[in-house]
Amino acid sequence: MNSYEDSYQDAYGVKGDCPPLELLQAAVDKSVIIPDKSVQAPIMIANAMMPSSGTSILPICISYGQSGTGKSAFGKIVHGVWGLDERFLLAGKTTPTAIRNMLMIQKYGSDWFEFQDDLDDEKNAVLIWDDIDPSILSDTLILSMLKSGYSKKSANLAVANVGGSNNYYNFFSVKFTSTIHPIWSIDELRELKRRSLIFYYKHVYAMTADEMSGNPTLDDAIDLDYVSFEGYTGARTIFLDLADLERSKKLSQSLRRKLRDANFPKWYGTLCFDLLVVGTVLGAFASISDAITKLESFYSIQEKVSSEKTEFQIFMSNYIESEVSLQSQLIQVRELGFPIEIPRAKLQKAIDKAIDSKEIPRERINLRNVMKEFGFELISEKSTMKLIKELNKHVSIANLRWKCHSSNRRTTEG
């Protein structure tokens, strides 16, 4: 522990050997600022306690919101409560191999590779991955890892070896990610929504009094950069003993009956089945009925958030619609199949003007990712000229493209 850090015991007023649930609740209470906390926090905490070695389905937890809204806070708490070192905290771009190694070390120890043909006694694992974006998910193996890794049955994926052969690894784990992008709105990523729980964040100044209820003020919130969880490993060692397993079986039977009347779709109940049962057994929920009630409220919020457009999305949607309408009237586009062209400089100028007029908030923007969200693919000058020469080739207006006009005429940099 560094000299400027407080221990988790001093910061949150807990004992060193306190149960994971107690530490998670105390840390979330004093360090996390999130809208509708009474609804979102119990679901977050229950997910953080899931023993991957003893469950079958674990949703992807996605923290979503603008830059600077505190999305990474809960991931830091999970990282600390699971007793992990810095190797196990990902941010931004990574590789499937790095993710594989991170999970396998947690499950089987640092020497797992030497004994990979004879692995047993699987331990719990968590993936904490901050700041993901659409370009990262263009890696098909990483996308498959997320899409298939929510279920233990489908989580075995092949990773190529240097010699050309494949090894199969199980990517099943608890997963906490964060993003500023509504990645579920991109066509090729829409399937992620059916595997995810979406937790939304807002800037404090944009939150209503009801949304702020239960949260500390900015001044009172404990900064996680000054808290040490050194020595605590409680959540990583959670397991279900025989008594827990027996109770889980009884609760599962009760849950199947109660889910028929739940106010969320059947697929959502399946996705969260283990969460509801195990979360109740471990004390995150008071009862199965309490678990269902909390999940119903959370689902209502998730559907609203995942279908809402941000101020920036509304601006971009209107801008692109205007450009498409204007250019679709040109004979080259209408009859010769030229692609819709939105010059980067013109778009950036429009964005800067909207920021200056306070129409949209100032935030970090990757135009390449943004245009991808709206169905555009960035193509180079060379690709465009080739397309123009092939006048007999039909180009659907539905496959919108944009072209980058930069001063040095270099190609595709978003």
Protein backbone atom coordinates (compact mmCIF):
# COMPACT_ATOMS: atom_id res chain seq x y z
CA MET A 1 0.00 0.00 0.00
CA ASN A 2 1.33 3.43 -0.93
CA SER A 3 1.70 6.16 1.70
CA TYR A 4 -1.02 8.32 0.12
CA GLU A 5 -3.60 5.50 0.16
CA ASP A 6 -6.11 4.55 2.82
CA SER A 7 -6.84 0.89 3.48
CA TYR A 8 -10.27 -0.32 2.44
CA GLN A 9 -10.98 -0.89 6.15
CA ASP A 10 -10.37 2.78 6.99
CA ALA A 11 -11.98 4.16 3.82
CA TYR A 12 -15.21 2.19 4.10
CA GLY A 13 -15.43 1.37 7.80
CA VAL A 14 -15.33 -2.42 7.43
CA LYS A 15 -13.28 -5.21 9.03
CA GLY A 16 -10.44 -6.86 7.14
CA ASP A 17 -12.26 -10.19 6.92
CA CYS A 18 -15.69 -8.77 6.07
CA PRO A 19 -17.79 -10.70 3.51
CA PRO A 20 -17.54 -9.57 -0.14
CA LEU A 21 -21.14 -8.38 -0.12
CA GLU A 22 -20.48 -6.02 2.79
CA LEU A 23 -17.37 -4.52 1.18
CA LEU A 24 -19.03 -4.16 -2.24
CA GLN A 25 -22.06 -2.41 -0.74
CA ALA A 26 -19.90 -0.06 1.35
CA ALA A 27 -17.62 0.83 -1.59
CA VAL A 28 -20.52 1.40 -3.98
CA ASP A 29 -22.34 3.47 -1.39
CA LYS A 30 -19.38 5.81 -0.79
CA SER A 31 -17.48 5.83 -4.11
CA VAL A 32 -19.95 5.30 -6.96
CA ILE A 33 -22.23 8.02 -8.32
CA ILE A 34 -24.79 6.55 -10.70
CA PRO A 35 -28.37 7.53 -11.66
CA ASP A 36 -31.20 5.47 -10.15
CA LYS A 37 -28.76 3.91 -7.71
CA SER A 38 -31.40 1.96 -5.79
CA VAL A 39 -32.22 0.11 -9.03
CA GLN A 40 -28.82 -0.23 -10.71
CA ALA A 41 -26.50 -0.85 -7.74
CA PRO A 42 -28.05 -4.15 -6.48
CA ILE A 43 -27.76 -5.69 -9.96
CA MET A 44 -24.15 -4.49 -10.30
CA ILE A 45 -23.21 -5.87 -6.89
CA ALA A 46 -24.89 -9.24 -7.50
CA ASN A 47 -22.95 -9.62 -10.77
CA ALA A 48 -19.68 -8.84 -8.99
CA MET A 49 -20.26 -11.79 -6.66
CA MET A 50 -21.02 -14.42 -9.29
CA PRO A 51 -18.74 -17.49 -9.00
CA SER A 52 -17.95 -18.32 -12.63
CA SER A 53 -16.79 -21.80 -11.67
CA GLY A 54 -20.25 -22.66 -10.36
CA THR A 55 -22.60 -20.90 -12.80
CA SER A 56 -23.74 -21.51 -16.38
CA ILE A 57 -24.75 -18.10 -17.77
CA LEU A 58 -23.23 -14.73 -16.90
CA PRO A 59 -24.35 -11.53 -18.69
CA ILE A 60 -21.87 -8.99 -20.05
CA CYS A 61 -22.06 -5.93 -17.80
CA ILE A 62 -21.66 -2.73 -19.83
CA SER A 63 -21.24 0.65 -18.12
CA TYR A 64 -22.32 3.29 -20.64
CA GLY A 65 -22.10 7.07 -20.57
CA GLN A 66 -20.13 10.12 -21.64
CA SER A 67 -16.49 10.64 -20.75
CA GLY A 68 -15.97 11.72 -17.16
CA THR A 69 -19.18 10.21 -15.74
CA GLY A 70 -17.41 7.69 -13.47
CA LYS A 71 -17.98 4.55 -15.53
CA SER A 72 -14.67 2.97 -14.50
CA ALA A 73 -15.32 3.31 -10.75
CA PHE A 74 -17.17 0.05 -10.25
CA GLY A 75 -14.61 -1.87 -12.30
CA LYS A 76 -11.93 -0.61 -9.90
CA ILE A 77 -14.01 -1.80 -6.96
CA VAL A 78 -14.48 -5.25 -8.50
CA HIS A 79 -10.76 -5.38 -9.27
CA GLY A 80 -9.97 -4.64 -5.63
CA VAL A 81 -12.60 -6.87 -4.04
CA TRP A 82 -11.47 -9.79 -6.23
CA GLY A 83 -7.91 -9.24 -4.98
CA LEU A 84 -6.35 -8.84 -8.45
CA ASP A 85 -3.14 -7.07 -9.39
CA GLU A 86 -2.67 -4.56 -12.22
CA ARG A 87 -2.26 -7.30 -14.85
CA PHE A 88 -5.96 -7.97 -14.62
CA LEU A 89 -7.24 -4.48 -15.41
CA LEU A 90 -7.61 -3.90 -19.17
CA ALA A 91 -8.16 -0.56 -20.87
CA GLY A 92 -8.74 0.13 -24.55
CA LYS A 93 -7.25 -2.03 -27.28
CA THR A 94 -6.07 -5.52 -26.40
CA THR A 95 -5.70 -8.96 -28.00
CA PRO A 96 -7.62 -12.23 -27.67
CA THR A 97 -4.41 -13.84 -26.40
CA ALA A 98 -4.07 -11.27 -23.61
CA ILE A 99 -7.67 -11.88 -22.55
CA ARG A 100 -7.17 -15.64 -22.71
CA ASN A 101 -4.04 -15.47 -20.54
CA MET A 102 -5.74 -13.20 -18.02
CA LEU A 103 -8.67 -15.57 -17.56
CA MET A 104 -6.63 -18.80 -17.59
CA ILE A 105 -4.24 -17.50 -14.90
CA GLN A 106 -7.20 -16.68 -12.67
CA LYS A 107 -8.81 -20.07 -13.29
CA TYR A 108 -5.78 -22.37 -13.10
CA GLY A 109 -2.75 -20.39 -11.86
CA SER A 110 0.26 -18.77 -13.51
CA ASP A 111 1.69 -22.12 -14.71
CA TRP A 112 -1.52 -23.14 -16.50
CA PHE A 113 0.17 -23.32 -19.90
CA GLU A 114 2.48 -26.17 -18.82
CA PHE A 115 -0.49 -28.29 -17.74
CA GLN A 116 -3.14 -27.17 -20.24
CA ASP A 117 -3.89 -30.76 -21.29
CA ASP A 118 -4.73 -31.69 -17.71
CA LEU A 119 -6.51 -28.73 -16.15
CA ASP A 120 -8.93 -29.20 -13.28
CA ASP A 121 -10.04 -27.46 -10.07
CA GLU A 122 -11.26 -24.38 -11.93
CA LYS A 123 -11.38 -21.18 -9.87
CA ASN A 124 -13.48 -18.08 -10.45
CA ALA A 125 -12.47 -15.48 -13.07
CA VAL A 126 -13.49 -11.94 -13.95
CA LEU A 127 -12.75 -9.80 -17.00
CA ILE A 128 -12.56 -6.05 -16.26
CA TRP A 129 -12.19 -4.10 -19.48
CA ASP A 130 -12.44 -0.32 -19.55
CA ASP A 131 -13.01 1.89 -22.59
CA ILE A 132 -13.97 -0.47 -25.40
CA ASP A 133 -15.12 0.89 -28.77
CA PRO A 134 -16.45 -0.46 -32.10
CA SER A 135 -12.99 -0.62 -33.69
CA ILE A 136 -11.81 -3.01 -30.95
CA LEU A 137 -14.82 -5.24 -31.56
CA SER A 138 -14.02 -5.45 -35.28
CA ASP A 139 -11.63 -8.23 -34.21
CA THR A 140 -13.84 -11.26 -34.90
CA LEU A 141 -12.28 -13.40 -32.18
CA ILE A 142 -12.79 -10.73 -29.52
CA LEU A 143 -16.39 -10.25 -30.65
CA SER A 144 -16.93 -14.04 -30.61
CA MET A 145 -15.40 -14.17 -27.15
CA LEU A 146 -18.00 -11.70 -25.86
CA LYS A 147 -20.93 -13.13 -27.80
CA SER A 148 -20.22 -16.77 -26.92
CA GLY A 149 -18.50 -16.26 -23.58
CA TYR A 150 -21.68 -15.39 -21.70
CA SER A 151 -22.61 -19.08 -21.61
CA LYS A 152 -20.34 -21.83 -20.31
CA LYS A 153 -21.66 -24.23 -22.97
CA SER A 154 -20.67 -22.00 -25.90
CA ALA A 155 -17.57 -20.31 -24.45
CA ASN A 156 -14.94 -22.67 -25.91
CA LEU A 157 -13.17 -20.85 -28.75
CA ALA A 158 -10.14 -21.74 -30.86
CA VAL A 159 -6.97 -19.65 -30.61
CA ALA A 160 -4.32 -20.31 -33.26
CA ASN A 161 -0.82 -21.36 -32.23
CA VAL A 162 2.37 -20.23 -33.93
CA GLY A 163 2.68 -23.61 -35.68
CA GLY A 164 -0.77 -23.32 -37.23
CA SER A 165 -2.66 -25.66 -34.91
CA ASN A 166 -5.51 -24.54 -32.65
CA ASN A 167 -5.98 -24.73 -28.92
CA TYR A 168 -9.43 -24.34 -27.39
CA TYR A 169 -9.99 -22.13 -24.38
CA ASN A 170 -13.02 -21.36 -22.30
CA PHE A 171 -13.68 -17.61 -22.13
CA PHE A 172 -16.54 -17.95 -19.64
CA SER A 173 -16.22 -15.44 -16.82
CA VAL A 174 -17.82 -12.53 -15.04
CA LYS A 175 -17.41 -9.53 -17.38
CA PHE A 176 -17.42 -5.80 -16.63
CA THR A 177 -16.79 -3.39 -19.50
CA SER A 178 -17.29 0.33 -20.08
CA THR A 179 -17.80 2.43 -23.20
CA ILE A 180 -18.88 5.85 -24.42
CA HIS A 181 -20.39 4.22 -27.52
CA PRO A 182 -23.88 2.67 -27.80
CA ILE A 183 -22.22 -0.37 -29.38
CA TRP A 184 -25.48 -2.36 -29.41
CA SER A 185 -26.86 0.05 -32.05
CA ILE A 186 -24.30 -1.06 -34.67
CA ASP A 187 -25.74 -3.71 -36.98
CA GLU A 188 -22.99 -6.31 -36.55
CA LEU A 189 -22.97 -5.78 -32.77
CA ARG A 190 -26.72 -5.87 -32.09
CA GLU A 191 -26.53 -9.42 -30.75
CA LEU A 192 -24.53 -8.14 -27.79
CA LYS A 193 -27.65 -6.47 -26.39
CA ARG A 194 -29.31 -9.87 -25.82
CA ARG A 195 -26.29 -10.93 -23.80
CA SER A 196 -25.76 -7.74 -21.81
CA LEU A 197 -26.89 -5.72 -18.83
CA ILE A 198 -26.46 -2.00 -19.57
CA PHE A 199 -25.73 0.33 -16.65
CA TYR A 200 -26.03 4.00 -17.55
CA TYR A 201 -24.07 6.93 -16.18
CA LYS A 202 -24.55 10.69 -16.39
CA HIS A 203 -22.64 13.77 -15.33
CA VAL A 204 -23.73 14.92 -11.87
CA TYR A 205 -24.85 18.31 -13.19
CA ALA A 206 -27.19 16.54 -15.63
CA MET A 207 -28.84 14.31 -13.00
CA THR A 208 -32.22 15.11 -11.50
CA ALA A 209 -32.81 15.09 -7.76
CA ASP A 210 -34.45 11.66 -8.04
CA GLU A 211 -31.50 10.30 -10.04
CA MET A 212 -29.04 11.62 -7.43
CA SER A 213 -30.93 9.99 -4.56
CA GLY A 214 -28.70 7.63 -2.56
CA ASN A 215 -25.48 9.01 -4.04
CA PRO A 216 -22.70 10.89 -2.25
CA THR A 217 -21.94 14.40 -3.48
CA LEU A 218 -18.87 14.90 -5.63
CA ASP A 219 -17.07 16.38 -2.63
CA ASP A 220 -18.01 13.50 -0.33
CA ALA A 221 -17.38 10.62 -2.77
CA ILE A 222 -14.27 8.61 -1.85
CA ASP A 223 -11.77 8.59 -4.72
CA LEU A 224 -10.82 5.00 -5.53
CA ASP A 225 -7.35 6.08 -6.65
CA TYR A 226 -6.62 6.67 -2.96
CA VAL A 227 -8.01 3.38 -1.64
CA SER A 228 -5.98 0.19 -1.30
CA PHE A 229 -7.69 -3.22 -1.34
CA GLU A 230 -4.37 -4.94 -0.67
CA GLY A 231 -4.78 -8.29 1.03
CA TYR A 232 -8.46 -8.75 0.24
CA THR A 233 -9.41 -11.74 -1.97
CA GLY A 234 -12.93 -12.48 -0.78
CA ALA A 235 -14.90 -12.36 -4.03
CA ARG A 236 -12.44 -14.46 -5.99
CA THR A 237 -12.78 -17.31 -3.49
CA ILE A 238 -16.60 -17.38 -3.40
CA PHE A 239 -17.97 -20.86 -3.99
CA LEU A 240 -21.26 -22.62 -3.42
CA ASP A 241 -21.08 -25.27 -0.70
CA LEU A 242 -23.51 -28.18 -0.43
CA ALA A 243 -26.03 -26.14 1.55
CA ASP A 244 -25.88 -23.36 -1.03
CA LEU A 245 -26.34 -25.85 -3.86
CA GLU A 246 -29.37 -27.38 -2.18
CA ARG A 247 -30.91 -23.95 -1.65
CA SER A 248 -30.10 -23.03 -5.25
CA LYS A 249 -32.03 -26.05 -6.53
CA LYS A 250 -35.11 -25.09 -4.50
CA LEU A 251 -34.86 -21.44 -5.54
CA SER A 252 -34.47 -22.47 -9.19
CA GLN A 253 -37.77 -24.34 -9.07
CA SER A 254 -39.49 -21.36 -7.48
CA LEU A 255 -37.91 -18.96 -9.97
CA ARG A 256 -39.11 -20.91 -13.01
CA ARG A 257 -42.69 -20.56 -11.79
CA LYS A 258 -42.37 -16.87 -10.93
CA LEU A 259 -40.68 -15.93 -14.22
CA ARG A 260 -43.92 -16.69 -16.09
CA ASP A 261 -45.41 -13.51 -14.64
CA ALA A 262 -42.26 -11.34 -14.73
CA ASN A 263 -42.35 -8.01 -16.55
CA PHE A 264 -39.47 -8.76 -18.89
CA PRO A 265 -39.05 -11.11 -21.88
CA LYS A 266 -38.34 -14.81 -21.52
CA TRP A 267 -34.85 -14.46 -23.02
CA TYR A 268 -33.98 -11.85 -20.37
CA GLY A 269 -35.04 -14.21 -17.61
CA THR A 270 -32.84 -16.94 -19.10
CA LEU A 271 -29.89 -14.53 -19.34
CA CYS A 272 -30.26 -13.55 -15.67
CA PHE A 273 -31.39 -16.91 -14.24
CA ASP A 274 -28.13 -17.71 -12.43
CA LEU A 275 -27.81 -14.09 -11.34
CA LEU A 276 -31.21 -14.20 -9.64
CA VAL A 277 -30.68 -17.58 -7.97
CA VAL A 278 -27.05 -17.27 -6.89
CA GLY A 279 -27.49 -13.58 -6.03
CA THR A 280 -30.27 -14.56 -3.63
CA VAL A 281 -28.25 -17.42 -2.12
CA LEU A 282 -25.28 -15.08 -1.54
CA GLY A 283 -27.44 -12.36 0.01
CA ALA A 284 -27.41 -9.73 -2.74
CA PHE A 285 -31.21 -10.06 -2.88
CA ALA A 286 -33.52 -10.63 0.08
CA SER A 287 -35.54 -13.28 -1.73
CA ILE A 288 -36.35 -14.55 -5.22
CA SER A 289 -39.34 -12.22 -5.32
CA ASP A 290 -37.10 -9.30 -4.36
CA ALA A 291 -34.60 -10.32 -7.06
CA ILE A 292 -37.30 -10.40 -9.75
CA THR A 293 -38.73 -7.04 -8.65
CA LYS A 294 -35.28 -5.42 -8.80
CA LEU A 295 -34.55 -6.95 -12.21
CA GLU A 296 -37.92 -5.78 -13.57
CA SER A 297 -37.06 -2.20 -12.59
CA PHE A 298 -33.58 -2.54 -14.05
CA TYR A 299 -34.88 -3.97 -17.32
CA SER A 300 -37.24 -1.02 -17.70
CA ILE A 301 -34.31 1.39 -17.33
CA GLN A 302 -32.07 -0.65 -19.65
CA GLU A 303 -34.66 -0.66 -22.43
CA LYS A 304 -35.11 3.07 -22.14
CA VAL A 305 -31.38 3.77 -22.15
CA SER A 306 -30.56 1.39 -25.01
CA SER A 307 -33.28 2.86 -27.23
CA GLU A 308 -32.65 6.53 -26.42
CA LYS A 309 -30.52 8.71 -28.65
CA THR A 310 -27.96 11.03 -27.16
CA GLU A 311 -27.82 14.71 -28.13
CA PHE A 312 -24.83 13.89 -30.32
CA GLN A 313 -26.62 10.96 -32.00
CA ILE A 314 -29.62 13.18 -32.74
CA PHE A 315 -27.34 15.84 -34.23
CA MET A 316 -25.49 13.27 -36.37
CA SER A 317 -28.70 11.60 -37.49
CA ASN A 318 -30.16 14.92 -38.67
CA TYR A 319 -26.90 15.95 -40.35
CA ILE A 320 -26.49 12.66 -42.23
CA GLU A 321 -30.16 12.58 -43.26
CA SER A 322 -29.77 16.07 -44.71
CA GLU A 323 -26.61 15.12 -46.63
CA VAL A 324 -28.11 11.90 -47.97
CA SER A 325 -31.27 13.69 -49.09
CA LEU A 326 -29.26 16.39 -50.86
CA GLN A 327 -26.81 14.05 -52.58
CA SER A 328 -29.44 11.51 -53.58
CA GLN A 329 -30.81 14.14 -55.94
CA LEU A 330 -27.55 14.19 -57.91
CA ILE A 331 -27.64 12.22 -61.16
CA GLN A 332 -24.23 10.64 -60.43
CA VAL A 333 -25.59 9.11 -57.24
CA ARG A 334 -29.06 8.32 -58.55
CA GLU A 335 -28.17 6.72 -61.88
CA LEU A 336 -24.49 5.79 -61.80
CA GLY A 337 -24.36 4.34 -58.30
CA PHE A 338 -21.76 6.69 -56.84
CA PRO A 339 -21.45 6.43 -53.05
CA ILE A 340 -22.78 9.12 -50.76
CA GLU A 341 -19.80 11.31 -49.86
CA ILE A 342 -19.48 13.22 -46.60
CA PRO A 343 -16.14 15.09 -46.48
CA ARG A 344 -14.45 14.88 -43.11
CA ALA A 345 -13.58 18.60 -42.99
CA LYS A 346 -17.20 19.61 -43.61
CA LEU A 347 -18.48 17.22 -40.95
CA GLN A 348 -15.92 18.35 -38.38
CA LYS A 349 -16.84 21.99 -39.03
CA ALA A 350 -20.50 21.21 -38.42
CA ILE A 351 -19.65 19.38 -35.17
CA ASP A 352 -17.47 22.26 -33.91
CA LYS A 353 -20.26 24.74 -34.67
CA ALA A 354 -22.79 22.60 -32.76
CA ILE A 355 -20.44 22.39 -29.76
CA ASP A 356 -19.87 26.15 -29.75
CA SER A 357 -23.62 26.78 -29.84
CA LYS A 358 -24.13 24.26 -26.96
CA GLU A 359 -26.35 22.11 -29.20
CA ILE A 360 -24.20 19.12 -28.26
CA PRO A 361 -21.75 18.61 -25.35
CA ARG A 362 -18.00 18.76 -25.83
CA GLU A 363 -16.56 15.26 -25.53
CA ARG A 364 -13.92 12.98 -26.99
CA ILE A 365 -15.10 11.81 -30.42
CA ASN A 366 -13.67 9.20 -32.77
CA LEU A 367 -15.31 10.05 -36.09
CA ARG A 368 -14.52 6.70 -37.61
CA ASN A 369 -16.40 4.90 -34.85
CA VAL A 370 -19.25 7.42 -34.95
CA MET A 371 -19.75 7.04 -38.70
CA LYS A 372 -19.65 3.26 -38.30
CA GLU A 373 -22.53 3.53 -35.84
CA PHE A 374 -24.53 5.28 -38.56
CA GLY A 375 -23.83 2.68 -41.23
CA PHE A 376 -20.94 4.44 -42.98
CA GLU A 377 -17.65 2.84 -43.91
CA LEU A 378 -14.58 5.02 -44.37
CA ILE A 379 -12.98 4.33 -47.77
CA SER A 380 -9.77 5.65 -49.31
CA GLU A 381 -9.31 7.86 -52.36
CA LYS A 382 -7.95 4.82 -54.22
CA SER A 383 -11.05 2.78 -53.43
CA THR A 384 -13.30 5.65 -54.50
CA MET A 385 -11.56 6.11 -57.85
CA LYS A 386 -11.79 2.38 -58.54
CA LEU A 387 -15.50 2.53 -57.79
CA ILE A 388 -15.99 5.49 -60.12
CA LYS A 389 -14.29 3.59 -62.98
CA GLU A 390 -16.60 0.65 -62.49
CA LEU A 391 -19.69 2.62 -63.52
CA ASN A 392 -21.56 -0.53 -64.39
CA LYS A 393 -21.22 -1.76 -60.81
CA HIS A 394 -24.33 -1.16 -58.73
CA VAL A 395 -23.72 0.47 -55.35
CA SER A 396 -26.65 0.40 -52.99
CA ILE A 397 -27.42 3.71 -51.28
CA ALA A 398 -28.25 1.62 -48.20
CA ASN A 399 -24.53 0.84 -47.90
CA LEU A 400 -23.57 4.40 -47.10
CA ARG A 401 -19.90 5.29 -47.35
CA TRP A 402 -17.96 8.37 -46.48
CA LYS A 403 -14.71 9.64 -47.91
CA CYS A 404 -11.98 11.36 -45.98
CA HIS A 405 -10.70 14.58 -47.64
CA SER A 406 -7.45 15.45 -45.83
CA SER A 407 -4.87 18.00 -46.91
CA ASN A 408 -2.16 15.42 -47.47
CA ARG A 409 -4.57 13.09 -49.30
CA ARG A 410 -3.67 10.21 -47.05
CA THR A 411 -6.20 7.46 -46.66
CA THR A 412 -8.39 6.07 -43.96
CA GLU A 413 -7.58 7.59 -40.62
CA GLY A 414 -10.64 8.11 -38.41
